[in-house]
């Protein structure tokens, strides 16, 4: 099967905007495929967990949920919504639920690990954008401080970015 980009012949009279349009459609197709694969992995993980705990699988769940949350957040930005495309965006309630679940898994993992704690900083920062209550936001900040206290000063940069997002979400890129 040809990609959308391959269907665009270089000698055609399509404008730059049309080329960007095709690139955007290709990204959407890829994102939908990624979402499908991630959801399959989450469902498979749930089935395996019935057989007993699997620490490796449990450590991956926050990343899977982070991926789903991130795709929806990306496609919710004006650069994408302005095209009028039907995008793979979760409903707001589900998006918040997935973000909270990703955060809870990451929060639990941070308590158990030392070196691997830094792996969860981007998850906490990204899903933190979905936290609206003062209580949830404080939990997110505590998670980032826990990472920083384990020796990863970069967590403070994630905290700064998150605070900036919370203070002016309508102007965030």
Protein backbone atom coordinates (compact mmCIF):
# COMPACT_ATOMS: atom_id res chain seq x y z
CA UNK A 1 0.00 0.00 0.00
CA UNK A 2 1.36 3.42 -0.93
CA UNK A 3 1.64 6.11 1.68
CA UNK A 4 -0.25 9.34 1.17
CA UNK A 5 3.06 11.09 0.48
CA UNK A 6 3.96 8.62 -2.29
CA UNK A 7 0.66 9.39 -4.01
CA UNK A 8 1.81 12.98 -4.38
CA UNK A 9 3.74 13.16 -7.64
CA UNK A 10 6.55 15.76 -7.50
CA UNK A 11 5.56 17.24 -10.89
CA UNK A 12 1.99 17.92 -9.81
CA UNK A 13 0.66 21.40 -9.21
CA UNK A 14 -0.27 20.75 -5.59
CA UNK A 15 0.57 23.72 -3.43
CA UNK A 16 2.77 23.64 -0.35
CA UNK A 17 -0.43 23.70 1.71
CA UNK A 18 -1.66 20.55 -0.03
CA UNK A 19 1.63 18.85 0.73
CA UNK A 20 1.28 19.82 4.40
CA UNK A 21 -2.29 18.55 4.29
CA UNK A 22 -1.09 15.16 3.04
CA UNK A 23 1.64 15.09 5.67
CA UNK A 24 -0.99 15.83 8.32
CA UNK A 25 -3.20 13.01 7.11
CA UNK A 26 -0.23 10.64 7.20
CA UNK A 27 0.48 11.65 10.80
CA UNK A 28 -3.17 11.06 11.72
CA UNK A 29 -3.10 7.60 10.13
CA UNK A 30 0.08 6.74 12.03
CA UNK A 31 -1.35 8.08 15.29
CA UNK A 32 -4.51 6.00 14.88
CA UNK A 33 -2.41 2.90 14.26
CA UNK A 34 -0.27 3.67 17.31
CA UNK A 35 -3.37 4.16 19.45
CA UNK A 36 -4.74 0.83 18.28
CA UNK A 37 -1.48 -0.96 19.14
CA UNK A 38 -1.20 0.71 22.55
CA UNK A 39 -4.81 -0.16 23.44
CA UNK A 40 -4.11 -3.78 22.44
CA UNK A 41 -1.06 -3.79 24.72
CA UNK A 42 -3.09 -2.39 27.63
CA UNK A 43 -5.80 -5.02 27.14
CA UNK A 44 -3.19 -7.80 26.90
CA UNK A 45 -1.57 -6.49 30.07
CA UNK A 46 -4.91 -6.60 31.88
CA UNK A 47 -5.37 -10.23 30.81
CA UNK A 48 -1.84 -11.18 31.97
CA UNK A 49 -2.31 -9.45 35.31
CA UNK A 50 -5.08 -11.95 36.10
CA UNK A 51 -2.33 -14.60 36.23
CA UNK A 52 -0.34 -12.65 38.80
CA UNK A 53 1.77 -9.52 39.03
CA UNK A 54 4.27 -8.86 36.25
CA UNK A 55 6.65 -6.07 37.35
CA UNK A 56 7.98 -5.47 33.83
CA UNK A 57 4.48 -5.08 32.42
CA UNK A 58 3.39 -2.88 35.32
CA UNK A 59 6.33 -0.56 34.71
CA UNK A 60 5.19 -0.09 31.10
CA UNK A 61 1.54 0.79 31.83
CA UNK A 62 2.25 4.46 32.64
CA UNK A 63 4.04 4.79 29.29
CA UNK A 64 1.12 3.26 27.39
CA UNK A 65 -1.39 5.56 29.06
CA UNK A 66 0.96 8.51 28.59
CA UNK A 67 1.08 7.75 24.87
CA UNK A 68 -2.71 7.75 24.57
CA UNK A 69 -2.98 10.94 26.60
CA UNK A 70 -0.23 12.66 24.63
CA UNK A 71 -1.78 11.90 21.24
CA UNK A 72 -5.11 13.35 22.35
CA UNK A 73 -3.41 16.42 23.82
CA UNK A 74 -1.41 16.98 20.64
CA UNK A 75 -4.43 16.73 18.38
CA UNK A 76 -6.41 19.06 20.67
CA UNK A 77 -4.06 21.94 19.86
CA UNK A 78 -5.31 24.65 17.47
CA UNK A 79 -2.72 23.79 14.81
CA UNK A 80 -4.54 20.48 14.34
CA UNK A 81 -8.15 21.33 15.17
CA UNK A 82 -8.16 24.28 12.76
CA UNK A 83 -8.01 21.87 9.79
CA UNK A 84 -11.48 20.55 10.51
CA UNK A 85 -10.33 16.91 10.46
CA UNK A 86 -11.87 14.20 12.60
CA UNK A 87 -8.96 13.45 14.90
CA UNK A 88 -8.30 10.59 17.33
CA UNK A 89 -9.05 12.60 20.47
CA UNK A 90 -10.44 11.06 23.64
CA UNK A 91 -13.44 12.69 25.26
CA UNK A 92 -12.34 15.08 28.03
CA UNK A 93 -13.54 12.82 30.86
CA UNK A 94 -11.71 9.80 29.43
CA UNK A 95 -8.60 11.88 28.77
CA UNK A 96 -8.55 13.03 32.39
CA UNK A 97 -9.15 9.47 33.58
CA UNK A 98 -6.29 8.08 31.47
CA UNK A 99 -3.96 10.87 32.60
CA UNK A 100 -4.78 10.23 36.25
CA UNK A 101 -4.27 6.48 35.82
CA UNK A 102 -0.89 7.07 34.12
CA UNK A 103 0.07 9.38 36.95
CA UNK A 104 -0.98 6.87 39.61
CA UNK A 105 1.10 4.11 38.01
CA UNK A 106 4.09 6.45 37.68
CA UNK A 107 3.63 7.69 41.25
CA UNK A 108 3.65 4.12 42.58
CA UNK A 109 6.68 3.20 40.49
CA UNK A 110 8.65 6.21 41.72
CA UNK A 111 8.14 5.05 45.30
CA UNK A 112 9.67 1.67 44.41
CA UNK A 113 12.68 2.66 42.30
CA UNK A 114 15.70 4.93 42.42
CA UNK A 115 17.55 5.12 39.12
CA UNK A 116 14.49 4.46 36.96
CA UNK A 117 12.58 7.31 38.61
CA UNK A 118 13.77 9.78 35.99
CA UNK A 119 11.95 7.78 33.31
CA UNK A 120 8.65 8.84 34.83
CA UNK A 121 9.32 12.62 34.88
CA UNK A 122 8.04 13.20 31.32
CA UNK A 123 4.92 11.17 32.07
CA UNK A 124 4.16 13.15 35.20
CA UNK A 125 4.76 16.43 33.39
CA UNK A 126 2.59 15.53 30.39
CA UNK A 127 -0.33 14.04 32.28
CA UNK A 128 -0.05 16.86 34.80
CA UNK A 129 -1.50 19.13 32.13
CA UNK A 130 -4.79 17.30 32.57
CA UNK A 131 -4.92 17.84 36.33
CA UNK A 132 -7.34 20.60 37.23
CA UNK A 133 -7.92 20.31 40.97
CA UNK A 134 -5.47 21.86 43.43
CA UNK A 135 -5.17 18.49 45.18
CA UNK A 136 -4.21 16.62 41.98
CA UNK A 137 -1.80 19.35 40.94
CA UNK A 138 -0.06 19.20 44.29
CA UNK A 139 0.29 15.42 43.88
CA UNK A 140 1.89 15.98 40.49
CA UNK A 141 4.34 18.50 41.92
CA UNK A 142 5.15 16.13 44.78
CA UNK A 143 5.90 13.39 42.23
CA UNK A 144 8.33 15.67 40.42
CA UNK A 145 9.95 16.68 43.72
CA UNK A 146 10.31 13.00 44.64
CA UNK A 147 12.19 12.47 41.38
CA UNK A 148 14.36 15.50 42.09
CA UNK A 149 15.07 14.21 45.61
CA UNK A 150 16.31 10.95 44.11
CA UNK A 151 19.08 12.96 42.46
CA UNK A 152 17.53 14.13 39.18
CA UNK A 153 17.62 17.93 39.16
CA UNK A 154 16.02 18.01 35.70
CA UNK A 155 12.68 17.31 37.38
CA UNK A 156 12.60 20.96 38.47
CA UNK A 157 12.55 21.99 34.78
CA UNK A 158 9.51 19.78 34.25
CA UNK A 159 7.92 21.46 37.27
CA UNK A 160 8.65 24.94 35.88
CA UNK A 161 7.13 24.02 32.52
CA UNK A 162 4.06 22.54 34.16
CA UNK A 163 3.52 25.60 36.37
CA UNK A 164 3.79 27.80 33.26
CA UNK A 165 1.20 25.65 31.48
CA UNK A 166 -1.18 25.80 34.43
CA UNK A 167 -0.86 29.57 34.71
CA UNK A 168 -1.67 30.22 31.01
CA UNK A 169 -3.01 27.05 29.31
CA UNK A 170 -4.67 28.99 26.48
CA UNK A 171 -1.32 30.32 25.23
CA UNK A 172 0.66 27.09 25.48
CA UNK A 173 1.89 25.94 22.03
